[in-house]
C-alpha atoms as a PDB file:
ATOM      1  CA  UNK A   1     -35.309  72.200   8.690  1.00  0.00           C
ATOM      2  CA  UNK A   2     -34.784  74.045  11.969  1.00  0.00           C
ATOM      3  CA  UNK A   3     -35.625  77.321  10.228  1.00  0.00           C
ATOM      4  CA  UNK A   4     -38.859  75.871   8.893  1.00  0.00           C
ATOM      5  CA  UNK A   5     -39.863  74.567  12.317  1.00  0.00           C
ATOM      6  CA  UNK A   6     -39.019  77.956  13.837  1.00  0.00           C
ATOM      7  CA  UNK A   7     -41.445  79.617  11.440  1.00  0.00           C
ATOM      8  CA  UNK A   8     -44.125  77.052  12.336  1.00  0.00           C
ATOM      9  CA  UNK A   9     -43.629  77.770  16.044  1.00  0.00           C
ATOM     10  CA  UNK A  10     -44.007  81.499  15.468  1.00  0.00           C
ATOM     11  CA  UNK A  11     -47.102  80.833  13.387  1.00  0.00           C
ATOM     12  CA  UNK A  12     -48.631  78.843  16.237  1.00  0.00           C
ATOM     13  CA  UNK A  13     -48.370  81.844  18.556  1.00  0.00           C
ATOM     14  CA  UNK A  14     -50.045  84.142  16.048  1.00  0.00           C
ATOM     15  CA  UNK A  15     -52.606  81.459  15.184  1.00  0.00           C
ATOM     16  CA  UNK A  16     -53.626  81.122  18.826  1.00  0.00           C
ATOM     17  CA  UNK A  17     -54.566  84.813  18.928  1.00  0.00           C
ATOM     18  CA  UNK A  18     -56.500  84.538  15.661  1.00  0.00           C
ATOM     19  CA  UNK A  19     -58.228  81.456  17.046  1.00  0.00           C
ATOM     20  CA  UNK A  20     -59.436  83.259  20.167  1.00  0.00           C
ATOM     21  CA  UNK A  21     -60.927  86.094  18.100  1.00  0.00           C
ATOM     22  CA  UNK A  22     -62.437  83.622  15.613  1.00  0.00           C
ATOM     23  CA  UNK A  23     -63.955  81.748  18.534  1.00  0.00           C
ATOM     24  CA  UNK A  24     -65.717  84.933  19.661  1.00  0.00           C
ATOM     25  CA  UNK A  25     -67.106  85.414  16.134  1.00  0.00           C
ATOM     26  CA  UNK A  26     -68.333  81.816  16.011  1.00  0.00           C
ATOM     27  CA  UNK A  27     -70.007  81.992  19.422  1.00  0.00           C
ATOM     28  CA  UNK A  28     -72.155  84.957  18.393  1.00  0.00           C
ATOM     29  CA  UNK A  29     -72.936  83.441  15.006  1.00  0.00           C
ATOM     30  CA  UNK A  30     -74.046  80.128  16.524  1.00  0.00           C
ATOM     31  CA  UNK A  31     -76.406  81.766  18.991  1.00  0.00           C
ATOM     32  CA  UNK A  32     -77.840  84.575  16.876  1.00  0.00           C
ATOM     33  CA  UNK A  33     -76.882  83.939  13.242  1.00  0.00           C
ATOM     34  CA  UNK A  34     -75.162  87.353  13.217  1.00  0.00           C
ATOM     35  CA  UNK A  35     -71.666  87.969  11.867  1.00  0.00           C
ATOM     36  CA  UNK A  36     -70.416  90.602  14.299  1.00  0.00           C
ATOM     37  CA  UNK A  37     -68.180  93.017  12.405  1.00  0.00           C
ATOM     38  CA  UNK A  38     -67.653  94.982  15.632  1.00  0.00           C
ATOM     39  CA  UNK A  39     -66.048  92.073  17.491  1.00  0.00           C
ATOM     40  CA  UNK A  40     -62.527  93.416  17.031  1.00  0.00           C
ATOM     41  CA  UNK A  41     -63.481  96.880  18.262  1.00  0.00           C
ATOM     42  CA  UNK A  42     -65.161  95.423  21.341  1.00  0.00           C
ATOM     43  CA  UNK A  43     -61.938  93.537  22.072  1.00  0.00           C
ATOM     44  CA  UNK A  44     -59.940  96.743  21.576  1.00  0.00           C
ATOM     45  CA  UNK A  45     -62.204  98.669  23.953  1.00  0.00           C
ATOM     46  CA  UNK A  46     -61.835  95.936  26.569  1.00  0.00           C
ATOM     47  CA  UNK A  47     -58.056  96.125  26.180  1.00  0.00           C
ATOM     48  CA  UNK A  48     -58.162  99.847  26.913  1.00  0.00           C
ATOM     49  CA  UNK A  49     -60.144  99.078  30.060  1.00  0.00           C
ATOM     50  CA  UNK A  50     -57.449  96.595  31.117  1.00  0.00           C
ATOM     51  CA  UNK A  51     -54.796  99.234  30.388  1.00  0.00           C
ATOM     52  CA  UNK A  52     -56.704 101.740  32.516  1.00  0.00           C
ATOM     53  CA  UNK A  53     -56.797  99.303  35.420  1.00  0.00           C
ATOM     54  CA  UNK A  54     -53.051  98.640  35.180  1.00  0.00           C
ATOM     55  CA  UNK A  55     -52.342 102.376  34.877  1.00  0.00           C
ATOM     56  CA  UNK A  56     -54.260 102.815  38.141  1.00  0.00           C
ATOM     57  CA  UNK A  57     -51.779 100.468  39.823  1.00  0.00           C
ATOM     58  CA  UNK A  58     -53.636  97.156  39.809  1.00  0.00           C
ATOM     59  CA  UNK A  59     -51.656  93.959  39.165  1.00  0.00           C
ATOM     60  CA  UNK A  60     -52.031  92.706  35.598  1.00  0.00           C
ATOM     61  CA  UNK A  61     -53.963  89.516  36.349  1.00  0.00           C
ATOM     62  CA  UNK A  62     -56.377  91.315  38.681  1.00  0.00           C
ATOM     63  CA  UNK A  63     -56.870  93.964  35.998  1.00  0.00           C
ATOM     64  CA  UNK A  64     -57.561  91.210  33.461  1.00  0.00           C
ATOM     65  CA  UNK A  65     -60.112  89.538  35.734  1.00  0.00           C
ATOM     66  CA  UNK A  66     -61.972  92.817  36.245  1.00  0.00           C
ATOM     67  CA  UNK A  67     -61.822  93.517  32.512  1.00  0.00           C
ATOM     68  CA  UNK A  68     -63.397  90.157  31.726  1.00  0.00           C
ATOM     69  CA  UNK A  69     -66.244  90.899  34.145  1.00  0.00           C
ATOM     70  CA  UNK A  70     -66.824  94.302  32.540  1.00  0.00           C
ATOM     71  CA  UNK A  71     -66.641  92.765  29.048  1.00  0.00           C
ATOM     72  CA  UNK A  72     -69.168  90.090  29.926  1.00  0.00           C
ATOM     73  CA  UNK A  73     -71.614  92.660  31.285  1.00  0.00           C
ATOM     74  CA  UNK A  74     -71.004  94.940  28.304  1.00  0.00           C
ATOM     75  CA  UNK A  75     -71.641  92.146  25.815  1.00  0.00           C
ATOM     76  CA  UNK A  76     -74.949  91.300  27.455  1.00  0.00           C
ATOM     77  CA  UNK A  77     -75.926  94.974  27.521  1.00  0.00           C
ATOM     78  CA  UNK A  78     -75.171  95.357  23.808  1.00  0.00           C
ATOM     79  CA  UNK A  79     -77.369  92.383  22.995  1.00  0.00           C
ATOM     80  CA  UNK A  80     -80.255  93.702  25.065  1.00  0.00           C
ATOM     81  CA  UNK A  81     -80.077  97.346  23.950  1.00  0.00           C
ATOM     82  CA  UNK A  82     -78.758  97.247  20.370  1.00  0.00           C
ATOM     83  CA  UNK A  83     -79.270  93.761  18.932  1.00  0.00           C
ATOM     84  CA  UNK A  84     -82.574  92.742  20.525  1.00  0.00           C
ATOM     85  CA  UNK A  85     -84.625  95.541  18.851  1.00  0.00           C
ATOM     86  CA  UNK A  86     -83.558  94.313  15.378  1.00  0.00           C
ATOM     87  CA  UNK A  87     -83.896  90.617  16.111  1.00  0.00           C
ATOM     88  CA  UNK A  88     -85.408  88.864  13.102  1.00  0.00           C
ATOM     89  CA  UNK A  89     -84.645  91.777  10.780  1.00  0.00           C
ATOM     90  CA  UNK A  90     -83.169  91.177   7.303  1.00  0.00           C
ATOM     91  CA  UNK A  91     -79.499  90.169   7.253  1.00  0.00           C
ATOM     92  CA  UNK A  92     -78.456  93.461   5.687  1.00  0.00           C
ATOM     93  CA  UNK A  93     -79.994  95.342   8.605  1.00  0.00           C
ATOM     94  CA  UNK A  94     -77.991  93.276  11.085  1.00  0.00           C
ATOM     95  CA  UNK A  95     -74.802  93.874   9.092  1.00  0.00           C
ATOM     96  CA  UNK A  96     -75.435  97.629   9.129  1.00  0.00           C
ATOM     97  CA  UNK A  97     -76.059  97.562  12.896  1.00  0.00           C
ATOM     98  CA  UNK A  98     -72.777  95.765  13.639  1.00  0.00           C
ATOM     99  CA  UNK A  99     -70.841  98.025  11.260  1.00  0.00           C
ATOM    100  CA  UNK A 100     -72.390 101.033  13.004  1.00  0.00           C
ATOM    101  CA  UNK A 101     -71.351  99.539  16.345  1.00  0.00           C
ATOM    102  CA  UNK A 102     -67.831  99.140  14.926  1.00  0.00           C
ATOM    103  CA  UNK A 103     -67.661 102.853  14.046  1.00  0.00           C
ATOM    104  CA  UNK A 104     -69.165 103.975  17.352  1.00  0.00           C
ATOM    105  CA  UNK A 105     -66.858 101.905  19.565  1.00  0.00           C
ATOM    106  CA  UNK A 106     -63.773 102.959  17.584  1.00  0.00           C
ATOM    107  CA  UNK A 107     -64.707 106.626  17.864  1.00  0.00           C
ATOM    108  CA  UNK A 108     -65.576 106.280  21.562  1.00  0.00           C
ATOM    109  CA  UNK A 109     -62.174 104.735  22.319  1.00  0.00           C
ATOM    110  CA  UNK A 110     -60.413 107.556  20.460  1.00  0.00           C
ATOM    111  CA  UNK A 111     -62.494 110.164  22.300  1.00  0.00           C
ATOM    112  CA  UNK A 112     -61.851 108.668  25.738  1.00  0.00           C
ATOM    113  CA  UNK A 113     -58.196 107.624  25.408  1.00  0.00           C
ATOM    114  CA  UNK A 114     -57.132 109.616  22.285  1.00  0.00           C
ATOM    115  CA  UNK A 115     -55.565 108.045  19.203  1.00  0.00           C
ATOM    116  CA  UNK A 116     -52.033 108.267  20.588  1.00  0.00           C
ATOM    117  CA  UNK A 117     -50.166 104.962  20.773  1.00  0.00           C
ATOM    118  CA  UNK A 118     -49.770 103.470  24.240  1.00  0.00           C
ATOM    119  CA  UNK A 119     -47.601 100.660  25.571  1.00  0.00           C
ATOM    120  CA  UNK A 120     -49.398  97.673  27.039  1.00  0.00           C
ATOM    121  CA  UNK A 121     -47.680  95.569  29.718  1.00  0.00           C
ATOM    122  CA  UNK A 122     -46.635  92.049  28.795  1.00  0.00           C
ATOM    123  CA  UNK A 123     -47.643  89.641  31.567  1.00  0.00           C
ATOM    124  CA  UNK A 124     -45.173  86.989  30.463  1.00  0.00           C
ATOM    125  CA  UNK A 125     -41.434  87.037  31.253  1.00  0.00           C
ATOM    126  CA  UNK A 126     -38.761  87.893  28.728  1.00  0.00           C
ATOM    127  CA  UNK A 127     -36.632  85.144  27.255  1.00  0.00           C
ATOM    128  CA  UNK A 128     -37.281  81.953  25.378  1.00  0.00           C
ATOM    129  CA  UNK A 129     -37.197  78.200  25.686  1.00  0.00           C
ATOM    130  CA  UNK A 130     -34.715  76.623  23.264  1.00  0.00           C
ATOM    131  CA  UNK A 131     -34.510  73.016  22.117  1.00  0.00           C
ATOM    132  CA  UNK A 132     -32.930  71.495  19.010  1.00  0.00           C
ATOM    133  CA  UNK A 133     -32.135  74.877  17.517  1.00  0.00           C
ATOM    134  CA  UNK A 134     -35.765  76.005  17.839  1.00  0.00           C
ATOM    135  CA  UNK A 135     -36.666  78.902  20.097  1.00  0.00           C
ATOM    136  CA  UNK A 136     -40.109  79.531  21.576  1.00  0.00           C
ATOM    137  CA  UNK A 137     -40.507  82.711  23.563  1.00  0.00           C
ATOM    138  CA  UNK A 138     -42.197  82.625  26.942  1.00  0.00           C
ATOM    139  CA  UNK A 139     -44.687  85.100  25.506  1.00  0.00           C
ATOM    140  CA  UNK A 140     -45.699  82.608  22.796  1.00  0.00           C
ATOM    141  CA  UNK A 141     -45.925  79.821  25.371  1.00  0.00           C
ATOM    142  CA  UNK A 142     -48.081  82.051  27.547  1.00  0.00           C
ATOM    143  CA  UNK A 143     -50.426  82.904  24.672  1.00  0.00           C
ATOM    144  CA  UNK A 144     -50.808  79.235  23.775  1.00  0.00           C
ATOM    145  CA  UNK A 145     -51.462  78.364  27.419  1.00  0.00           C
ATOM    146  CA  UNK A 146     -54.115  81.072  27.875  1.00  0.00           C
ATOM    147  CA  UNK A 147     -55.951  80.107  24.682  1.00  0.00           C
ATOM    148  CA  UNK A 148     -55.828  76.429  25.666  1.00  0.00           C
ATOM    149  CA  UNK A 149     -57.265  77.352  29.079  1.00  0.00           C
ATOM    150  CA  UNK A 150     -60.087  79.344  27.459  1.00  0.00           C
ATOM    151  CA  UNK A 151     -60.893  76.410  25.175  1.00  0.00           C
ATOM    152  CA  UNK A 152     -60.906  74.018  28.114  1.00  0.00           C
ATOM    153  CA  UNK A 153     -63.234  76.222  30.142  1.00  0.00           C
ATOM    154  CA  UNK A 154     -65.618  76.607  27.200  1.00  0.00           C
ATOM    155  CA  UNK A 155     -65.635  72.850  26.686  1.00  0.00           C
ATOM    156  CA  UNK A 156     -66.509  72.272  30.335  1.00  0.00           C
ATOM    157  CA  UNK A 157     -69.219  74.949  30.149  1.00  0.00           C
ATOM    158  CA  UNK A 158     -70.922  73.544  27.059  1.00  0.00           C
ATOM    159  CA  UNK A 159     -70.542  69.855  27.864  1.00  0.00           C
ATOM    160  CA  UNK A 160     -70.906  69.612  31.637  1.00  0.00           C
ATOM    161  CA  UNK A 161     -73.169  72.418  32.891  1.00  0.00           C
ATOM    162  CA  UNK A 162     -76.909  73.087  32.670  1.00  0.00           C
ATOM    163  CA  UNK A 163     -76.229  76.602  31.398  1.00  0.00           C
ATOM    164  CA  UNK A 164     -74.054  75.217  28.616  1.00  0.00           C
ATOM    165  CA  UNK A 165     -76.673  72.639  27.720  1.00  0.00           C
ATOM    166  CA  UNK A 166     -79.290  75.383  27.490  1.00  0.00           C
ATOM    167  CA  UNK A 167     -77.019  77.473  25.284  1.00  0.00           C
ATOM    168  CA  UNK A 168     -76.451  74.517  22.970  1.00  0.00           C
ATOM    169  CA  UNK A 169     -80.206  73.923  22.794  1.00  0.00           C
ATOM    170  CA  UNK A 170     -80.852  77.555  21.879  1.00  0.00           C
ATOM    171  CA  UNK A 171     -78.121  77.468  19.248  1.00  0.00           C
ATOM    172  CA  UNK A 172     -79.623  74.324  17.700  1.00  0.00           C
ATOM    173  CA  UNK A 173     -83.330  75.193  17.826  1.00  0.00           C
ATOM    174  CA  UNK A 174     -84.466  78.274  19.753  1.00  0.00           C
ATOM    175  CA  UNK A 175     -88.176  77.567  19.271  1.00  0.00           C
ATOM    176  CA  UNK A 176     -87.924  74.064  20.748  1.00  0.00           C
ATOM    177  CA  UNK A 177     -85.738  75.406  23.554  1.00  0.00           C
ATOM    178  CA  UNK A 178     -88.408  77.992  24.393  1.00  0.00           C
ATOM    179  CA  UNK A 179     -91.071  75.288  24.525  1.00  0.00           C
ATOM    180  CA  UNK A 180     -89.139  73.343  27.183  1.00  0.00           C
ATOM    181  CA  UNK A 181     -88.813  76.407  29.399  1.00  0.00           C
ATOM    182  CA  UNK A 182     -85.406  77.822  28.439  1.00  0.00           C
ATOM    183  CA  UNK A 183     -85.308  81.626  28.554  1.00  0.00           C
ATOM    184  CA  UNK A 184     -84.046  82.146  25.026  1.00  0.00           C
ATOM    185  CA  UNK A 185     -83.690  85.927  25.304  1.00  0.00           C
ATOM    186  CA  UNK A 186     -81.390  85.792  28.299  1.00  0.00           C
ATOM    187  CA  UNK A 187     -79.487  82.875  26.809  1.00  0.00           C
ATOM    188  CA  UNK A 188     -78.762  84.932  23.694  1.00  0.00           C
ATOM    189  CA  UNK A 189     -77.563  87.793  25.907  1.00  0.00           C
ATOM    190  CA  UNK A 190     -75.371  85.305  27.751  1.00  0.00           C
ATOM    191  CA  UNK A 191     -73.878  84.217  24.425  1.00  0.00           C
ATOM    192  CA  UNK A 192     -73.001  87.826  23.556  1.00  0.00           C
ATOM    193  CA  UNK A 193     -71.437  88.296  26.978  1.00  0.00           C
ATOM    194  CA  UNK A 194     -69.401  85.140  26.581  1.00  0.00           C
ATOM    195  CA  UNK A 195     -68.212  86.173  23.117  1.00  0.00           C
ATOM    196  CA  UNK A 196     -67.228  89.630  24.412  1.00  0.00           C
ATOM    197  CA  UNK A 197     -65.226  87.970  27.186  1.00  0.00           C
ATOM    198  CA  UNK A 198     -63.355  85.684  24.785  1.00  0.00           C
ATOM    199  CA  UNK A 199     -62.715  88.650  22.482  1.00  0.00           C
ATOM    200  CA  UNK A 200     -61.299  90.628  25.405  1.00  0.00           C
ATOM    201  CA  UNK A 201     -58.790  87.834  26.016  1.00  0.00           C
ATOM    202  CA  UNK A 202     -57.706  88.114  22.391  1.00  0.00           C
ATOM    203  CA  UNK A 203     -57.241  91.871  22.652  1.00  0.00           C
ATOM    204  CA  UNK A 204     -55.207  91.624  25.843  1.00  0.00           C
ATOM    205  CA  UNK A 205     -52.986  88.953  24.285  1.00  0.00           C
ATOM    206  CA  UNK A 206     -52.293  90.877  21.089  1.00  0.00           C
ATOM    207  CA  UNK A 207     -51.753  94.324  22.663  1.00  0.00           C
ATOM    208  CA  UNK A 208     -48.226  93.586  24.036  1.00  0.00           C
ATOM    209  CA  UNK A 209     -47.168  92.411  20.555  1.00  0.00           C
ATOM    210  CA  UNK A 210     -48.500  95.578  18.913  1.00  0.00           C
ATOM    211  CA  UNK A 211     -49.095  99.039  20.325  1.00  0.00           C
ATOM    212  CA  UNK A 212     -52.376  99.885  21.990  1.00  0.00           C
ATOM    213  CA  UNK A 213     -54.401 102.231  19.794  1.00  0.00           C
ATOM    214  CA  UNK A 214     -58.020 102.293  18.564  1.00  0.00           C
ATOM    215  CA  UNK A 215     -57.277 100.637  15.204  1.00  0.00           C
ATOM    216  CA  UNK A 216     -55.058  97.831  16.480  1.00  0.00           C
ATOM    217  CA  UNK A 217     -57.579  95.011  15.970  1.00  0.00           C
ATOM    218  CA  UNK A 218     -58.384  95.732  12.322  1.00  0.00           C
ATOM    219  CA  UNK A 219     -55.785  93.353  10.925  1.00  0.00           C
ATOM    220  CA  UNK A 220     -56.446  90.717  13.587  1.00  0.00           C
ATOM    221  CA  UNK A 221     -60.144  90.706  12.704  1.00  0.00           C
ATOM    222  CA  UNK A 222     -59.335  89.918   9.060  1.00  0.00           C
ATOM    223  CA  UNK A 223     -57.289  86.894  10.131  1.00  0.00           C
ATOM    224  CA  UNK A 224     -60.038  85.873  12.553  1.00  0.00           C
ATOM    225  CA  UNK A 225     -62.635  85.992   9.781  1.00  0.00           C
ATOM    226  CA  UNK A 226     -60.364  83.790   7.668  1.00  0.00           C
ATOM    227  CA  UNK A 227     -59.999  81.350  10.570  1.00  0.00           C
ATOM    228  CA  UNK A 228     -63.751  81.207  11.217  1.00  0.00           C
ATOM    229  CA  UNK A 229     -64.492  80.811   7.502  1.00  0.00           C
ATOM    230  CA  UNK A 230     -61.919  78.043   7.137  1.00  0.00           C
ATOM    231  CA  UNK A 231     -63.003  76.142  10.235  1.00  0.00           C
ATOM    232  CA  UNK A 232     -66.715  76.748   9.780  1.00  0.00           C
ATOM    233  CA  UNK A 233     -68.768  79.550  11.299  1.00  0.00           C
ATOM    234  CA  UNK A 234     -70.864  77.091  13.298  1.00  0.00           C
ATOM    235  CA  UNK A 235     -67.926  75.145  14.766  1.00  0.00           C
ATOM    236  CA  UNK A 236     -65.985  76.431  17.816  1.00  0.00           C
ATOM    237  CA  UNK A 237     -63.399  73.678  17.376  1.00  0.00           C
ATOM    238  CA  UNK A 238     -63.142  74.614  13.716  1.00  0.00           C
ATOM    239  CA  UNK A 239     -62.408  78.223  14.689  1.00  0.00           C
ATOM    240  CA  UNK A 240     -59.423  77.075  16.740  1.00  0.00           C
ATOM    241  CA  UNK A 241     -58.101  74.761  14.029  1.00  0.00           C
ATOM    242  CA  UNK A 242     -58.680  77.450  11.422  1.00  0.00           C
ATOM    243  CA  UNK A 243     -56.833  80.028  13.510  1.00  0.00           C
ATOM    244  CA  UNK A 244     -53.796  77.782  13.848  1.00  0.00           C
ATOM    245  CA  UNK A 245     -53.773  76.999  10.110  1.00  0.00           C
ATOM    246  CA  UNK A 246     -54.103  80.671   9.166  1.00  0.00           C
ATOM    247  CA  UNK A 247     -51.347  81.697  11.580  1.00  0.00           C
ATOM    248  CA  UNK A 248     -48.911  79.086  10.302  1.00  0.00           C
ATOM    249  CA  UNK A 249     -49.821  79.730   6.647  1.00  0.00           C
ATOM    250  CA  UNK A 250     -49.306  83.475   7.058  1.00  0.00           C
ATOM    251  CA  UNK A 251     -45.919  83.020   8.721  1.00  0.00           C
ATOM    252  CA  UNK A 252     -44.645  80.489   6.182  1.00  0.00           C
ATOM    253  CA  UNK A 253     -45.861  82.566   3.241  1.00  0.00           C
ATOM    254  CA  UNK A 254     -44.100  85.642   4.591  1.00  0.00           C
ATOM    255  CA  UNK A 255     -40.876  83.713   5.098  1.00  0.00           C
ATOM    256  CA  UNK A 256     -40.717  81.572   1.946  1.00  0.00           C
ATOM    257  CA  UNK A 257     -42.797  83.295  -0.750  1.00  0.00           C
ATOM    258  CA  UNK A 258     -40.577  86.045  -2.050  1.00  0.00           C
ATOM    259  CA  UNK A 259     -43.116  88.507  -3.400  1.00  0.00           C
ATOM    260  CA  UNK A 260     -45.230  88.340  -0.217  1.00  0.00           C
ATOM    261  CA  UNK A 261     -42.648  89.060   2.448  1.00  0.00           C
ATOM    262  CA  UNK A 262     -43.799  91.003   5.488  1.00  0.00           C
ATOM    263  CA  UNK A 263     -45.753  93.606   3.525  1.00  0.00           C
ATOM    264  CA  UNK A 264     -48.290  91.414   1.727  1.00  0.00           C
ATOM    265  CA  UNK A 265     -48.988  88.829   4.421  1.00  0.00           C
ATOM    266  CA  UNK A 266     -52.437  90.315   4.926  1.00  0.00           C
ATOM    267  CA  UNK A 267     -53.296  88.919   1.495  1.00  0.00           C
ATOM    268  CA  UNK A 268     -52.959  85.359   2.813  1.00  0.00           C
ATOM    269  CA  UNK A 269     -56.211  85.371   4.857  1.00  0.00           C
ATOM    270  CA  UNK A 270     -58.052  87.004   1.960  1.00  0.00           C
ATOM    271  CA  UNK A 271     -56.919  84.220  -0.376  1.00  0.00           C
ATOM    272  CA  UNK A 272     -58.002  81.637   2.222  1.00  0.00           C
ATOM    273  CA  UNK A 273     -61.446  83.244   2.538  1.00  0.00           C
ATOM    274  CA  UNK A 274     -61.890  83.312  -1.231  1.00  0.00           C
ATOM    275  CA  UNK A 275     -60.736  79.715  -1.638  1.00  0.00           C
ATOM    276  CA  UNK A 276     -63.036  78.395   1.093  1.00  0.00           C
ATOM    277  CA  UNK A 277     -66.064  80.277  -0.239  1.00  0.00           C
ATOM    278  CA  UNK A 278     -65.434  78.918  -3.725  1.00  0.00           C
ATOM    279  CA  UNK A 279     -64.674  75.278  -2.918  1.00  0.00           C
ATOM    280  CA  UNK A 280     -66.074  74.517   0.567  1.00  0.00           C
ATOM    281  CA  UNK A 281     -68.431  77.285   1.720  1.00  0.00           C
ATOM    282  CA  UNK A 282     -69.314  75.605   5.015  1.00  0.00           C
ATOM    283  CA  UNK A 283     -65.629  75.304   6.032  1.00  0.00           C
ATOM    284  CA  UNK A 284     -63.686  72.279   7.212  1.00  0.00           C
ATOM    285  CA  UNK A 285     -65.941  71.468  10.172  1.00  0.00           C
ATOM    286  CA  UNK A 286     -69.148  73.304   9.295  1.00  0.00           C
ATOM    287  CA  UNK A 287     -72.389  71.413   8.988  1.00  0.00           C
ATOM    288  CA  UNK A 288     -74.329  71.351   5.755  1.00  0.00           C
ATOM    289  CA  UNK A 289     -77.833  72.778   6.101  1.00  0.00           C
ATOM    290  CA  UNK A 290     -80.544  70.525   4.695  1.00  0.00           C
ATOM    291  CA  UNK A 291     -84.075  71.869   4.242  1.00  0.00           C
ATOM    292  CA  UNK A 292     -87.122  69.831   3.353  1.00  0.00           C
ATOM    293  CA  UNK A 293     -89.306  71.191   0.604  1.00  0.00           C
END
């Protein structure tokens, strides 16, 4: 039993990272209806910026704060310069634009920082907290704490601020929001900036567990898509729940399903995506869309 609970604990740490990336995907989708295939690459680029700040001698948390500011501004700039010109275009056009952004950001990171693997500092202390034969590393506790803090701040933003109320109005009905005086264009840019910031947190959290290189977020993005699909692409809370479920499911499958092991764990999110699309396309917490004839 202790071994099973240990696997669940490890899955929670991984699930928290998937949840933060899935949350970034959901934020953009709610505000613009766009599935951003470049979200992982934007997070990777932000992680390189954080690495550059730390390499220049800045303390980690100051480097992270500056990175989040840069990510927020970069997300807004991308919406204004790249996404705004194709607003209202067919869905395939938007997919092509985000895939093109994916390729461009990946190549830009390789050009600026090369494709050589780099170490990224871990802000959390070494060691683990042990109780009842179960060990939880301080790194896992730190990841869970940071993701919980991000969720709490987003909740306060959306539920208790005028800006958050305006963003919710735009996400629900942009035309009605425009009629009551909300600047929809800038609100959409704000949503992209917010999603880029949350994605940057995900990249910074995952980099110490992997090695920093331009392709590091590819696998994480697959798990994040599974989490967002499972929870519902229009539900931020669903993204978090989905991320936790995917993380735990992946860890348990790798530990207890013999033919999966550590090599085929990436198949777990793909199976989850397929199952959700077949049996519950809107996800666990997604809202059904009803249209009047």
